Amino acid sequence: MMKLILDSQFQKLIEQGRATSAAQLEGTDEPDHMPVVKLFTPDANCTWLISELDPDDPDLAFGLCDLGFGCPELGSVRISEIESVRGAFGLPVERDRHFAADRSLSAYADLARANGRIVA
């Protein structure tokens, strides 16, 4: 089974989570991070662009979530829940090995809302 998040990606996600936590504590604007990892179901229409992990609870991720209903949204999701998802043919979620973010998470969210799905 493919590892959903590589060690290097995990470190970057934690780093970005710490930056968000620091901004919240300081009362400053939260950073608009670049997504680090794209996860998807090969046999369903689910896609997640993950930009950070909670440093105190690394199973809790933040990103752009698209469950295939035409209304992608920003929010939190548990990596353990994503790992349990199976599509129509029972295939597990995969990491897009070729994904490289070229815009911020909010820019992906704007594009997703305009298209009714994540475009990445």
PDB file of N, CA and C in Angstrom:
ATOM      1  N   MET A   1       0.840  -1.187   0.000  1.00  0.00           N
ATOM      2  CA  MET A   1       0.000   0.000   0.000  1.00  0.00           C
ATOM      3  C   MET A   1       0.882   1.246   0.000  1.00  0.00           C
ATOM      4  N   MET A   2       0.512   2.224  -0.781  1.00  0.00           N
ATOM      5  CA  MET A   2       1.264   3.469  -0.900  1.00  0.00           C
ATOM      6  C   MET A   2       1.175   4.271   0.393  1.00  0.00           C
ATOM      7  N   LYS A   3       2.286   4.833   0.800  1.00  0.00           N
ATOM      8  CA  LYS A   3       2.290   5.728   1.947  1.00  0.00           C
ATOM      9  C   LYS A   3       1.649   7.039   1.506  1.00  0.00           C
ATOM     10  N   LEU A   4       0.598   7.469   2.215  1.00  0.00           N
ATOM     11  CA  LEU A   4      -0.123   8.659   1.785  1.00  0.00           C
ATOM     12  C   LEU A   4       0.701   9.936   1.910  1.00  0.00           C
ATOM     13  N   ILE A   5       1.467  10.043   2.968  1.00  0.00           N
ATOM     14  CA  ILE A   5       2.262  11.256   3.183  1.00  0.00           C
ATOM     15  C   ILE A   5       3.710  10.845   3.447  1.00  0.00           C
ATOM     16  N   LEU A   6       4.602  11.313   2.601  1.00  0.00           N
ATOM     17  CA  LEU A   6       6.028  11.034   2.765  1.00  0.00           C
ATOM     18  C   LEU A   6       6.574  11.799   3.977  1.00  0.00           C
ATOM     19  N   ASP A   7       7.685  11.325   4.526  1.00  0.00           N
ATOM     20  CA  ASP A   7       8.286  11.976   5.694  1.00  0.00           C
ATOM     21  C   ASP A   7       8.598  13.447   5.423  1.00  0.00           C
ATOM     22  N   SER A   8       9.130  13.749   4.253  1.00  0.00           N
ATOM     23  CA  SER A   8       9.460  15.141   3.917  1.00  0.00           C
ATOM     24  C   SER A   8       8.196  15.999   3.832  1.00  0.00           C
ATOM     25  N   GLN A   9       7.123  15.427   3.299  1.00  0.00           N
ATOM     26  CA  GLN A   9       5.853  16.144   3.227  1.00  0.00           C
ATOM     27  C   GLN A   9       5.273  16.340   4.630  1.00  0.00           C
ATOM     28  N   PHE A  10       5.385  15.301   5.461  1.00  0.00           N
ATOM     29  CA  PHE A  10       4.900  15.388   6.837  1.00  0.00           C
ATOM     30  C   PHE A  10       5.579  16.544   7.560  1.00  0.00           C
ATOM     31  N   GLN A  11       6.898  16.654   7.418  1.00  0.00           N
ATOM     32  CA  GLN A  11       7.638  17.732   8.083  1.00  0.00           C
ATOM     33  C   GLN A  11       7.173  19.105   7.602  1.00  0.00           C
ATOM     34  N   LYS A  12       6.963  19.255   6.304  1.00  0.00           N
ATOM     35  CA  LYS A  12       6.503  20.534   5.746  1.00  0.00           C
ATOM     36  C   LYS A  12       5.091  20.852   6.241  1.00  0.00           C
ATOM     37  N   LEU A  13       4.219  19.849   6.297  1.00  0.00           N
ATOM     38  CA  LEU A  13       2.849  20.052   6.776  1.00  0.00           C
ATOM     39  C   LEU A  13       2.836  20.481   8.242  1.00  0.00           C
ATOM     40  N   ILE A  14       3.691  19.874   9.056  1.00  0.00           N
ATOM     41  CA  ILE A  14       3.805  20.257  10.470  1.00  0.00           C
ATOM     42  C   ILE A  14       4.349  21.680  10.584  1.00  0.00           C
ATOM     43  N   GLU A  15       5.362  21.996   9.788  1.00  0.00           N
ATOM     44  CA  GLU A  15       5.950  23.344   9.788  1.00  0.00           C
ATOM     45  C   GLU A  15       4.881  24.393   9.463  1.00  0.00           C
ATOM     46  N   GLN A  16       4.077  24.115   8.460  1.00  0.00           N
ATOM     47  CA  GLN A  16       3.028  25.062   8.072  1.00  0.00           C
ATOM     48  C   GLN A  16       1.944  25.125   9.143  1.00  0.00           C
ATOM     49  N   GLY A  17       1.660  24.013   9.790  1.00  0.00           N
ATOM     50  CA  GLY A  17       0.713  24.012  10.896  1.00  0.00           C
ATOM     51  C   GLY A  17       1.212  24.866  12.056  1.00  0.00           C
ATOM     52  N   ARG A  18       2.497  24.789  12.336  1.00  0.00           N
ATOM     53  CA  ARG A  18       3.085  25.616  13.405  1.00  0.00           C
ATOM     54  C   ARG A  18       2.987  27.103  13.063  1.00  0.00           C
ATOM     55  N   ALA A  19       3.199  27.438  11.798  1.00  0.00           N
ATOM     56  CA  ALA A  19       3.105  28.836  11.368  1.00  0.00           C
ATOM     57  C   ALA A  19       1.681  29.357  11.550  1.00  0.00           C
ATOM     58  N   THR A  20       0.702  28.538  11.245  1.00  0.00           N
ATOM     59  CA  THR A  20      -0.692  28.937  11.434  1.00  0.00           C
ATOM     60  C   THR A  20      -1.004  29.103  12.912  1.00  0.00           C
ATOM     61  N   SER A  21      -0.557  28.153  13.730  1.00  0.00           N
ATOM     62  CA  SER A  21      -0.782  28.235  15.185  1.00  0.00           C
ATOM     63  C   SER A  21      -0.149  29.497  15.762  1.00  0.00           C
ATOM     64  N   ALA A  22       1.059  29.818  15.324  1.00  0.00           N
ATOM     65  CA  ALA A  22       1.749  31.012  15.804  1.00  0.00           C
ATOM     66  C   ALA A  22       0.972  32.272  15.423  1.00  0.00           C
ATOM     67  N   ALA A  23       0.472  32.324  14.201  1.00  0.00           N
ATOM     68  CA  ALA A  23      -0.307  33.481  13.753  1.00  0.00           C
ATOM     69  C   ALA A  23      -1.586  33.620  14.582  1.00  0.00           C
ATOM     70  N   GLN A  24      -2.233  32.502  14.881  1.00  0.00           N
ATOM     71  CA  GLN A  24      -3.443  32.540  15.704  1.00  0.00           C
ATOM     72  C   GLN A  24      -3.135  33.066  17.100  1.00  0.00           C
ATOM     73  N   LEU A  25      -2.033  32.607  17.693  1.00  0.00           N
ATOM     74  CA  LEU A  25      -1.648  33.058  19.035  1.00  0.00           C
ATOM     75  C   LEU A  25      -1.295  34.540  19.060  1.00  0.00           C
ATOM     76  N   GLU A  26      -0.661  35.002  17.978  1.00  0.00           N
ATOM     77  CA  GLU A  26      -0.244  36.402  17.896  1.00  0.00           C
ATOM     78  C   GLU A  26      -1.379  37.315  17.442  1.00  0.00           C
ATOM     79  N   GLY A  27      -2.464  36.729  16.963  1.00  0.00           N
ATOM     80  CA  GLY A  27      -3.588  37.533  16.480  1.00  0.00           C
ATOM     81  C   GLY A  27      -3.316  38.188  15.140  1.00  0.00           C
ATOM     82  N   THR A  28      -2.421  37.606  14.366  1.00  0.00           N
ATOM     83  CA  THR A  28      -2.107  38.138  13.039  1.00  0.00           C
ATOM     84  C   THR A  28      -2.810  37.295  11.973  1.00  0.00           C
ATOM     85  N   ASP A  29      -2.758  37.770  10.750  1.00  0.00           N
ATOM     86  CA  ASP A  29      -3.372  37.029   9.651  1.00  0.00           C
ATOM     87  C   ASP A  29      -2.710  35.667   9.498  1.00  0.00           C
ATOM     88  N   GLU A  30      -3.550  34.660   9.324  1.00  0.00           N
ATOM     89  CA  GLU A  30      -3.010  33.312   9.109  1.00  0.00           C
ATOM     90  C   GLU A  30      -2.398  33.226   7.721  1.00  0.00           C
ATOM     91  N   PRO A  31      -1.293  32.501   7.588  1.00  0.00           N
ATOM     92  CA  PRO A  31      -0.658  32.360   6.269  1.00  0.00           C
ATOM     93  C   PRO A  31      -1.547  31.577   5.303  1.00  0.00           C
ATOM     94  N   ASP A  32      -1.456  31.936   4.046  1.00  0.00           N
ATOM     95  CA  ASP A  32      -2.173  31.226   2.980  1.00  0.00           C
ATOM     96  C   ASP A  32      -1.166  30.271   2.335  1.00  0.00           C
ATOM     97  N   HIS A  33      -1.056  29.090   2.935  1.00  0.00           N
ATOM     98  CA  HIS A  33      -0.030  28.135   2.533  1.00  0.00           C
ATOM     99  C   HIS A  33      -0.277  27.532   1.152  1.00  0.00           C
ATOM    100  N   MET A  34       0.787  27.030   0.575  1.00  0.00           N
ATOM    101  CA  MET A  34       0.701  26.218  -0.630  1.00  0.00           C
ATOM    102  C   MET A  34       0.342  24.805  -0.181  1.00  0.00           C
ATOM    103  N   PRO A  35      -0.523  24.112  -0.899  1.00  0.00           N
ATOM    104  CA  PRO A  35      -0.764  22.707  -0.566  1.00  0.00           C
ATOM    105  C   PRO A  35       0.523  21.903  -0.725  1.00  0.00           C
ATOM    106  N   VAL A  36       0.675  20.896   0.110  1.00  0.00           N
ATOM    107  CA  VAL A  36       1.886  20.075   0.101  1.00  0.00           C
ATOM    108  C   VAL A  36       1.623  18.731  -0.566  1.00  0.00           C
ATOM    109  N   VAL A  37       0.431  18.205  -0.378  1.00  0.00           N
ATOM    110  CA  VAL A  37       0.118  16.876  -0.902  1.00  0.00           C
ATOM    111  C   VAL A  37      -1.305  16.859  -1.481  1.00  0.00           C
ATOM    112  N   LYS A  38      -1.453  16.121  -2.561  1.00  0.00           N
ATOM    113  CA  LYS A  38      -2.763  15.893  -3.174  1.00  0.00           C
ATOM    114  C   LYS A  38      -3.091  14.414  -3.027  1.00  0.00           C
ATOM    115  N   LEU A  39      -4.251  14.140  -2.429  1.00  0.00           N
ATOM    116  CA  LEU A  39      -4.735  12.771  -2.272  1.00  0.00           C
ATOM    117  C   LEU A  39      -6.005  12.628  -3.089  1.00  0.00           C
ATOM    118  N   PHE A  40      -6.255  11.424  -3.594  1.00  0.00           N
ATOM    119  CA  PHE A  40      -7.447  11.219  -4.419  1.00  0.00           C
ATOM    120  C   PHE A  40      -7.871   9.756  -4.390  1.00  0.00           C
ATOM    121  N   THR A  41      -9.123   9.538  -4.738  1.00  0.00           N
ATOM    122  CA  THR A  41      -9.626   8.173  -4.904  1.00  0.00           C
ATOM    123  C   THR A  41      -9.573   7.849  -6.399  1.00  0.00           C
ATOM    124  N   PRO A  42      -8.913   6.757  -6.785  1.00  0.00           N
ATOM    125  CA  PRO A  42      -8.810   6.425  -8.198  1.00  0.00           C
ATOM    126  C   PRO A  42     -10.129   5.925  -8.795  1.00  0.00           C
ATOM    127  N   ASP A  43     -11.065   5.521  -7.942  1.00  0.00           N
ATOM    128  CA  ASP A  43     -12.331   4.983  -8.446  1.00  0.00           C
ATOM    129  C   ASP A  43     -13.543   5.717  -7.865  1.00  0.00           C
ATOM    130  N   ALA A  44     -13.343   6.970  -7.519  1.00  0.00           N
ATOM    131  CA  ALA A  44     -14.420   7.849  -7.058  1.00  0.00           C
ATOM    132  C   ALA A  44     -13.979   9.281  -7.375  1.00  0.00           C
ATOM    133  N   ASN A  45     -14.769  10.243  -7.000  1.00  0.00           N
ATOM    134  CA  ASN A  45     -14.444  11.631  -7.341  1.00  0.00           C
ATOM    135  C   ASN A  45     -13.981  12.441  -6.147  1.00  0.00           C
ATOM    136  N   CYS A  46     -13.273  11.815  -5.219  1.00  0.00           N
ATOM    137  CA  CYS A  46     -12.807  12.517  -4.027  1.00  0.00           C
ATOM    138  C   CYS A  46     -11.364  12.980  -4.210  1.00  0.00           C
ATOM    139  N   THR A  47     -11.110  14.228  -3.781  1.00  0.00           N
ATOM    140  CA  THR A  47      -9.765  14.795  -3.857  1.00  0.00           C
ATOM    141  C   THR A  47      -9.541  15.674  -2.632  1.00  0.00           C
ATOM    142  N   TRP A  48      -8.338  15.634  -2.110  1.00  0.00           N
ATOM    143  CA  TRP A  48      -7.951  16.491  -0.989  1.00  0.00           C
ATOM    144  C   TRP A  48      -6.622  17.145  -1.321  1.00  0.00           C
ATOM    145  N   LEU A  49      -6.538  18.458  -1.116  1.00  0.00           N
ATOM    146  CA  LEU A  49      -5.271  19.186  -1.182  1.00  0.00           C
ATOM    147  C   LEU A  49      -4.949  19.589   0.250  1.00  0.00           C
ATOM    148  N   ILE A  50      -3.940  18.995   0.819  1.00  0.00           N
ATOM    149  CA  ILE A  50      -3.608  19.205   2.224  1.00  0.00           C
ATOM    150  C   ILE A  50      -2.475  20.224   2.334  1.00  0.00           C
ATOM    151  N   SER A  51      -2.692  21.240   3.183  1.00  0.00           N
ATOM    152  CA  SER A  51      -1.682  22.290   3.327  1.00  0.00           C
ATOM    153  C   SER A  51      -1.004  22.301   4.693  1.00  0.00           C
ATOM    154  N   GLU A  52      -1.620  21.663   5.693  1.00  0.00           N
ATOM    155  CA  GLU A  52      -0.977  21.669   7.003  1.00  0.00           C
ATOM    156  C   GLU A  52      -1.537  20.570   7.897  1.00  0.00           C
ATOM    157  N   LEU A  53      -0.755  20.225   8.901  1.00  0.00           N
ATOM    158  CA  LEU A  53      -1.162  19.296   9.945  1.00  0.00           C
ATOM    159  C   LEU A  53      -1.080  20.024  11.280  1.00  0.00           C
ATOM    160  N   ASP A  54      -1.995  19.709  12.165  1.00  0.00           N
ATOM    161  CA  ASP A  54      -1.987  20.280  13.507  1.00  0.00           C
ATOM    162  C   ASP A  54      -0.762  19.726  14.241  1.00  0.00           C
ATOM    163  N   PRO A  55       0.146  20.586  14.695  1.00  0.00           N
ATOM    164  CA  PRO A  55       1.352  20.088  15.357  1.00  0.00           C
ATOM    165  C   PRO A  55       1.055  19.327  16.657  1.00  0.00           C
ATOM    166  N   ASP A  56      -0.076  19.612  17.300  1.00  0.00           N
ATOM    167  CA  ASP A  56      -0.453  18.921  18.530  1.00  0.00           C
ATOM    168  C   ASP A  56      -1.257  17.649  18.274  1.00  0.00           C
ATOM    169  N   ASP A  57      -1.786  17.511  17.069  1.00  0.00           N
ATOM    170  CA  ASP A  57      -2.583  16.340  16.684  1.00  0.00           C
ATOM    171  C   ASP A  57      -2.344  16.091  15.196  1.00  0.00           C
ATOM    172  N   PRO A  58      -1.213  15.460  14.843  1.00  0.00           N
ATOM    173  CA  PRO A  58      -0.827  15.323  13.434  1.00  0.00           C
ATOM    174  C   PRO A  58      -1.783  14.503  12.570  1.00  0.00           C
ATOM    175  N   ASP A  59      -2.789  13.875  13.163  1.00  0.00           N
ATOM    176  CA  ASP A  59      -3.805  13.194  12.367  1.00  0.00           C
ATOM    177  C   ASP A  59      -4.824  14.192  11.814  1.00  0.00           C
ATOM    178  N   LEU A  60      -4.830  15.407  12.364  1.00  0.00           N
ATOM    179  CA  LEU A  60      -5.777  16.437  11.951  1.00  0.00           C
ATOM    180  C   LEU A  60      -5.130  17.337  10.902  1.00  0.00           C
ATOM    181  N   ALA A  61      -5.689  17.289   9.706  1.00  0.00           N
ATOM    182  CA  ALA A  61      -5.152  18.054   8.582  1.00  0.00           C
ATOM    183  C   ALA A  61      -6.096  19.190   8.212  1.00  0.00           C
ATOM    184  N   PHE A  62      -5.557  20.198   7.549  1.00  0.00           N
ATOM    185  CA  PHE A  62      -6.366  21.280   6.993  1.00  0.00           C
ATOM    186  C   PHE A  62      -6.068  21.358   5.517  1.00  0.00           C
ATOM    187  N   GLY A  63      -7.124  21.567   4.733  1.00  0.00           N
ATOM    188  CA  GLY A  63      -6.931  21.698   3.300  1.00  0.00           C
ATOM    189  C   GLY A  63      -8.238  21.902   2.575  1.00  0.00           C
ATOM    190  N   LEU A  64      -8.174  21.699   1.284  1.00  0.00           N
ATOM    191  CA  LEU A  64      -9.325  21.807   0.399  1.00  0.00           C
ATOM    192  C   LEU A  64      -9.841  20.394   0.148  1.00  0.00           C
ATOM    193  N   CYS A  65     -11.095  20.171   0.485  1.00  0.00           N
ATOM    194  CA  CYS A  65     -11.685  18.831   0.414  1.00  0.00           C
ATOM    195  C   CYS A  65     -12.802  18.819  -0.628  1.00  0.00           C
ATOM    196  N   ASP A  66     -12.769  17.826  -1.483  1.00  0.00           N
ATOM    197  CA  ASP A  66     -13.780  17.674  -2.533  1.00  0.00           C
ATOM    198  C   ASP A  66     -14.244  16.220  -2.520  1.00  0.00           C
ATOM    199  N   LEU A  67     -15.459  16.005  -2.047  1.00  0.00           N
ATOM    200  CA  LEU A  67     -16.004  14.648  -1.960  1.00  0.00           C
ATOM    201  C   LEU A  67     -16.813  14.264  -3.195  1.00  0.00           C
ATOM    202  N   GLY A  68     -16.718  15.073  -4.231  1.00  0.00           N
ATOM    203  CA  GLY A  68     -17.351  14.736  -5.501  1.00  0.00           C
ATOM    204  C   GLY A  68     -18.798  15.151  -5.630  1.00  0.00           C
ATOM    205  N   PHE A  69     -19.269  16.051  -4.750  1.00  0.00           N
ATOM    206  CA  PHE A  69     -20.663  16.492  -4.796  1.00  0.00           C
ATOM    207  C   PHE A  69     -20.822  17.868  -5.423  1.00  0.00           C
ATOM    208  N   GLY A  70     -19.741  18.410  -5.990  1.00  0.00           N
ATOM    209  CA  GLY A  70     -19.816  19.709  -6.650  1.00  0.00           C
ATOM    210  C   GLY A  70     -19.660  20.902  -5.731  1.00  0.00           C
ATOM    211  N   CYS A  71     -19.248  20.662  -4.479  1.00  0.00           N
ATOM    212  CA  CYS A  71     -19.091  21.786  -3.549  1.00  0.00           C
ATOM    213  C   CYS A  71     -17.827  21.620  -2.702  1.00  0.00           C
ATOM    214  N   PRO A  72     -16.650  21.754  -3.319  1.00  0.00           N
ATOM    215  CA  PRO A  72     -15.401  21.650  -2.571  1.00  0.00           C
ATOM    216  C   PRO A  72     -15.333  22.732  -1.500  1.00  0.00           C
ATOM    217  N   GLU A  73     -14.724  22.396  -0.363  1.00  0.00           N
ATOM    218  CA  GLU A  73     -14.651  23.375   0.718  1.00  0.00           C
ATOM    219  C   GLU A  73     -13.354  23.245   1.503  1.00  0.00           C
ATOM    220  N   LEU A  74     -12.969  24.363   2.089  1.00  0.00           N
ATOM    221  CA  LEU A  74     -11.819  24.392   2.982  1.00  0.00           C
ATOM    222  C   LEU A  74     -12.259  23.874   4.339  1.00  0.00           C
ATOM    223  N   GLY A  75     -11.412  23.061   4.956  1.00  0.00           N
ATOM    224  CA  GLY A  75     -11.766  22.566   6.270  1.00  0.00           C
ATOM    225  C   GLY A  75     -10.770  21.561   6.789  1.00  0.00           C
ATOM    226  N   SER A  76     -11.110  21.017   7.951  1.00  0.00           N
ATOM    227  CA  SER A  76     -10.257  20.040   8.608  1.00  0.00           C
ATOM    228  C   SER A  76     -10.761  18.631   8.347  1.00  0.00           C
ATOM    229  N   VAL A  77      -9.828  17.708   8.285  1.00  0.00           N
ATOM    230  CA  VAL A  77     -10.150  16.301   8.053  1.00  0.00           C
ATOM    231  C   VAL A  77      -9.080  15.459   8.745  1.00  0.00           C
ATOM    232  N   ARG A  78      -9.467  14.307   9.177  1.00  0.00           N
ATOM    233  CA  ARG A  78      -8.506  13.393   9.807  1.00  0.00           C
ATOM    234  C   ARG A  78      -7.876  12.514   8.729  1.00  0.00           C
ATOM    235  N   ILE A  79      -6.553  12.416   8.764  1.00  0.00           N
ATOM    236  CA  ILE A  79      -5.831  11.564   7.826  1.00  0.00           C
ATOM    237  C   ILE A  79      -6.306  10.120   7.985  1.00  0.00           C
ATOM    238  N   SER A  80      -6.557   9.696   9.210  1.00  0.00           N
ATOM    239  CA  SER A  80      -7.040   8.329   9.450  1.00  0.00           C
ATOM    240  C   SER A  80      -8.385   8.082   8.765  1.00  0.00           C
ATOM    241  N   GLU A  81      -9.229   9.113   8.676  1.00  0.00           N
ATOM    242  CA  GLU A  81     -10.505   8.962   7.963  1.00  0.00           C
ATOM    243  C   GLU A  81     -10.269   8.850   6.465  1.00  0.00           C
ATOM    244  N   ILE A  82      -9.360   9.665   5.940  1.00  0.00           N
ATOM    245  CA  ILE A  82      -9.042   9.590   4.513  1.00  0.00           C
ATOM    246  C   ILE A  82      -8.510   8.192   4.182  1.00  0.00           C
ATOM    247  N   GLU A  83      -7.651   7.664   5.054  1.00  0.00           N
ATOM    248  CA  GLU A  83      -7.070   6.339   4.823  1.00  0.00           C
ATOM    249  C   GLU A  83      -8.130   5.245   4.792  1.00  0.00           C
ATOM    250  N   SER A  84      -9.263   5.467   5.442  1.00  0.00           N
ATOM    251  CA  SER A  84     -10.315   4.450   5.478  1.00  0.00           C
ATOM    252  C   SER A  84     -11.273   4.524   4.290  1.00  0.00           C
ATOM    253  N   VAL A  85     -11.190   5.588   3.500  1.00  0.00           N
ATOM    254  CA  VAL A  85     -12.091   5.766   2.358  1.00  0.00           C
ATOM    255  C   VAL A  85     -11.771   4.748   1.261  1.00  0.00           C
ATOM    256  N   ARG A  86     -12.815   4.208   0.682  1.00  0.00           N
ATOM    257  CA  ARG A  86     -12.687   3.313  -0.478  1.00  0.00           C
ATOM    258  C   ARG A  86     -13.683   3.774  -1.535  1.00  0.00           C
ATOM    259  N   GLY A  87     -13.280   3.663  -2.789  1.00  0.00           N
ATOM    260  CA  GLY A  87     -14.150   4.046  -3.892  1.00  0.00           C
ATOM    261  C   GLY A  87     -15.056   2.896  -4.304  1.00  0.00           C
ATOM    262  N   ALA A  88     -15.689   3.059  -5.451  1.00  0.00           N
ATOM    263  CA  ALA A  88     -16.676   2.104  -5.954  1.00  0.00           C
ATOM    264  C   ALA A  88     -16.118   0.691  -6.116  1.00  0.00           C
ATOM    265  N   PHE A  89     -14.838   0.582  -6.446  1.00  0.00           N
ATOM    266  CA  PHE A  89     -14.232  -0.735  -6.654  1.00  0.00           C
ATOM    267  C   PHE A  89     -13.379  -1.184  -5.460  1.00  0.00           C
ATOM    268  N   GLY A  90     -13.508  -0.445  -4.349  1.00  0.00           N
ATOM    269  CA  GLY A  90     -12.785  -0.809  -3.139  1.00  0.00           C
ATOM    270  C   GLY A  90     -11.340  -0.373  -3.098  1.00  0.00           C
ATOM    271  N   LEU A  91     -10.929   0.487  -4.029  1.00  0.00           N
ATOM    272  CA  LEU A  91      -9.535   0.937  -4.070  1.00  0.00           C
ATOM    273  C   LEU A  91      -9.281   2.003  -3.008  1.00  0.00           C
ATOM    274  N   PRO A  92      -8.117   1.970  -2.376  1.00  0.00           N
ATOM    275  CA  PRO A  92      -7.799   2.968  -1.345  1.00  0.00           C
ATOM    276  C   PRO A  92      -7.392   4.305  -1.965  1.00  0.00           C
ATOM    277  N   VAL A  93      -7.374   5.314  -1.121  1.00  0.00           N
ATOM    278  CA  VAL A  93      -6.912   6.648  -1.511  1.00  0.00           C
ATOM    279  C   VAL A  93      -5.436   6.568  -1.876  1.00  0.00           C
ATOM    280  N   GLU A  94      -5.037   7.357  -2.866  1.00  0.00           N
ATOM    281  CA  GLU A  94      -3.643   7.413  -3.307  1.00  0.00           C
ATOM    282  C   GLU A  94      -3.128   8.838  -3.212  1.00  0.00           C
ATOM    283  N   ARG A  95      -1.813   8.966  -3.159  1.00  0.00           N
ATOM    284  CA  ARG A  95      -1.143  10.257  -3.238  1.00  0.00           C
ATOM    285  C   ARG A  95      -0.767  10.488  -4.691  1.00  0.00           C
ATOM    286  N   ASP A  96      -1.033  11.689  -5.177  1.00  0.00           N
ATOM    287  CA  ASP A  96      -0.617  12.063  -6.528  1.00  0.00           C
ATOM    288  C   ASP A  96       0.886  12.345  -6.478  1.00  0.00           C
ATOM    289  N   ARG A  97       1.665  11.406  -6.989  1.00  0.00           N
ATOM    290  CA  ARG A  97       3.129  11.530  -6.925  1.00  0.00           C
ATOM    291  C   ARG A  97       3.672  12.654  -7.794  1.00  0.00           C
ATOM    292  N   HIS A  98       2.868  13.156  -8.712  1.00  0.00           N
ATOM    293  CA  HIS A  98       3.337  14.186  -9.641  1.00  0.00           C
ATOM    294  C   HIS A  98       2.822  15.585  -9.290  1.00  0.00           C
ATOM    295  N   PHE A  99       2.062  15.684  -8.209  1.00  0.00           N
ATOM    296  CA  PHE A  99       1.501  16.984  -7.822  1.00  0.00           C
ATOM    297  C   PHE A  99       2.586  17.917  -7.318  1.00  0.00           C
ATOM    298  N   ALA A 100       2.572  19.123  -7.841  1.00  0.00           N
ATOM    299  CA  ALA A 100       3.425  20.212  -7.357  1.00  0.00           C
ATOM    300  C   ALA A 100       2.567  21.472  -7.362  1.00  0.00           C
ATOM    301  N   ALA A 101       2.322  22.023  -6.202  1.00  0.00           N
ATOM    302  CA  ALA A 101       1.455  23.206  -6.086  1.00  0.00           C
ATOM    303  C   ALA A 101       2.049  24.377  -6.862  1.00  0.00           C
ATOM    304  N   ASP A 102       1.171  25.098  -7.542  1.00  0.00           N
ATOM    305  CA  ASP A 102       1.615  26.285  -8.267  1.00  0.00           C
ATOM    306  C   ASP A 102       0.836  27.528  -7.838  1.00  0.00           C
ATOM    307  N   ARG A 103       0.052  27.376  -6.749  1.00  0.00           N
ATOM    308  CA  ARG A 103      -0.696  28.508  -6.206  1.00  0.00           C
ATOM    309  C   ARG A 103      -1.023  28.213  -4.745  1.00  0.00           C
ATOM    310  N   SER A 104      -1.509  29.212  -4.058  1.00  0.00           N
ATOM    311  CA  SER A 104      -1.863  29.053  -2.643  1.00  0.00           C
ATOM    312  C   SER A 104      -3.151  28.241  -2.507  1.00  0.00           C
ATOM    313  N   LEU A 105      -3.403  27.775  -1.295  1.00  0.00           N
ATOM    314  CA  LEU A 105      -4.607  26.989  -1.043  1.00  0.00           C
ATOM    315  C   LEU A 105      -5.865  27.798  -1.342  1.00  0.00           C
ATOM    316  N   SER A 106      -5.889  29.077  -0.973  1.00  0.00           N
ATOM    317  CA  SER A 106      -7.085  29.889  -1.243  1.00  0.00           C
ATOM    318  C   SER A 106      -7.312  30.069  -2.742  1.00  0.00           C
ATOM    319  N   ALA A 107      -6.234  30.141  -3.512  1.00  0.00           N
ATOM    320  CA  ALA A 107      -6.371  30.254  -4.975  1.00  0.00           C
ATOM    321  C   ALA A 107      -6.941  28.951  -5.551  1.00  0.00           C
ATOM    322  N   TYR A 108      -6.485  27.799  -5.030  1.00  0.00           N
ATOM    323  CA  TYR A 108      -7.076  26.519  -5.451  1.00  0.00           C
ATOM    324  C   TYR A 108      -8.554  26.462  -5.061  1.00  0.00           C
ATOM    325  N   ALA A 109      -8.888  26.992  -3.883  1.00  0.00           N
ATOM    326  CA  ALA A 109     -10.281  26.985  -3.419  1.00  0.00           C
ATOM    327  C   ALA A 109     -11.157  27.847  -4.333  1.00  0.00           C
ATOM    328  N   ASP A 110     -10.676  29.024  -4.701  1.00  0.00           N
ATOM    329  CA  ASP A 110     -11.429  29.888  -5.615  1.00  0.00           C
ATOM    330  C   ASP A 110     -11.671  29.194  -6.951  1.00  0.00           C
ATOM    331  N   LEU A 111     -10.640  28.564  -7.478  1.00  0.00           N
ATOM    332  CA  LEU A 111     -10.750  27.848  -8.744  1.00  0.00           C
ATOM    333  C   LEU A 111     -11.713  26.665  -8.622  1.00  0.00           C
ATOM    334  N   ALA A 112     -11.651  25.966  -7.502  1.00  0.00           N
ATOM    335  CA  ALA A 112     -12.527  24.816  -7.273  1.00  0.00           C
ATOM    336  C   ALA A 112     -13.987  25.250  -7.180  1.00  0.00           C
ATOM    337  N   ARG A 113     -14.242  26.348  -6.504  1.00  0.00           N
ATOM    338  CA  ARG A 113     -15.624  26.836  -6.390  1.00  0.00           C
ATOM    339  C   ARG A 113     -16.163  27.222  -7.768  1.00  0.00           C
ATOM    340  N   ALA A 114     -15.329  27.830  -8.592  1.00  0.00           N
ATOM    341  CA  ALA A 114     -15.754  28.240  -9.937  1.00  0.00           C
ATOM    342  C   ALA A 114     -16.031  27.033 -10.832  1.00  0.00           C
ATOM    343  N   ASN A 115     -15.319  25.912 -10.598  1.00  0.00           N
ATOM    344  CA  ASN A 115     -15.454  24.730 -11.448  1.00  0.00           C
ATOM    345  C   ASN A 115     -16.300  23.617 -10.833  1.00  0.00           C
ATOM    346  N   GLY A 116     -16.659  23.775  -9.560  1.00  0.00           N
ATOM    347  CA  GLY A 116     -17.431  22.741  -8.877  1.00  0.00           C
ATOM    348  C   GLY A 116     -16.619  21.503  -8.527  1.00  0.00           C
ATOM    349  N   ARG A 117     -15.292  21.627  -8.609  1.00  0.00           N
ATOM    350  CA  ARG A 117     -14.394  20.521  -8.276  1.00  0.00           C
ATOM    351  C   ARG A 117     -12.975  21.056  -8.197  1.00  0.00           C
ATOM    352  N   ILE A 118     -12.108  20.303  -7.526  1.00  0.00           N
ATOM    353  CA  ILE A 118     -10.711  20.696  -7.433  1.00  0.00           C
ATOM    354  C   ILE A 118     -10.049  20.513  -8.797  1.00  0.00           C
ATOM    355  N   VAL A 119      -9.367  21.559  -9.240  1.00  0.00           N
ATOM    356  CA  VAL A 119      -8.590  21.525 -10.470  1.00  0.00           C
ATOM    357  C   VAL A 119      -7.133  21.690 -10.063  1.00  0.00           C
ATOM    358  N   ALA A 120      -6.389  20.581 -10.105  1.00  0.00           N
ATOM    359  CA  ALA A 120      -4.986  20.643  -9.684  1.00  0.00           C
ATOM    360  C   ALA A 120      -4.179  19.581 -10.412  1.00  0.00           C
TER     361      ALA A 120
END
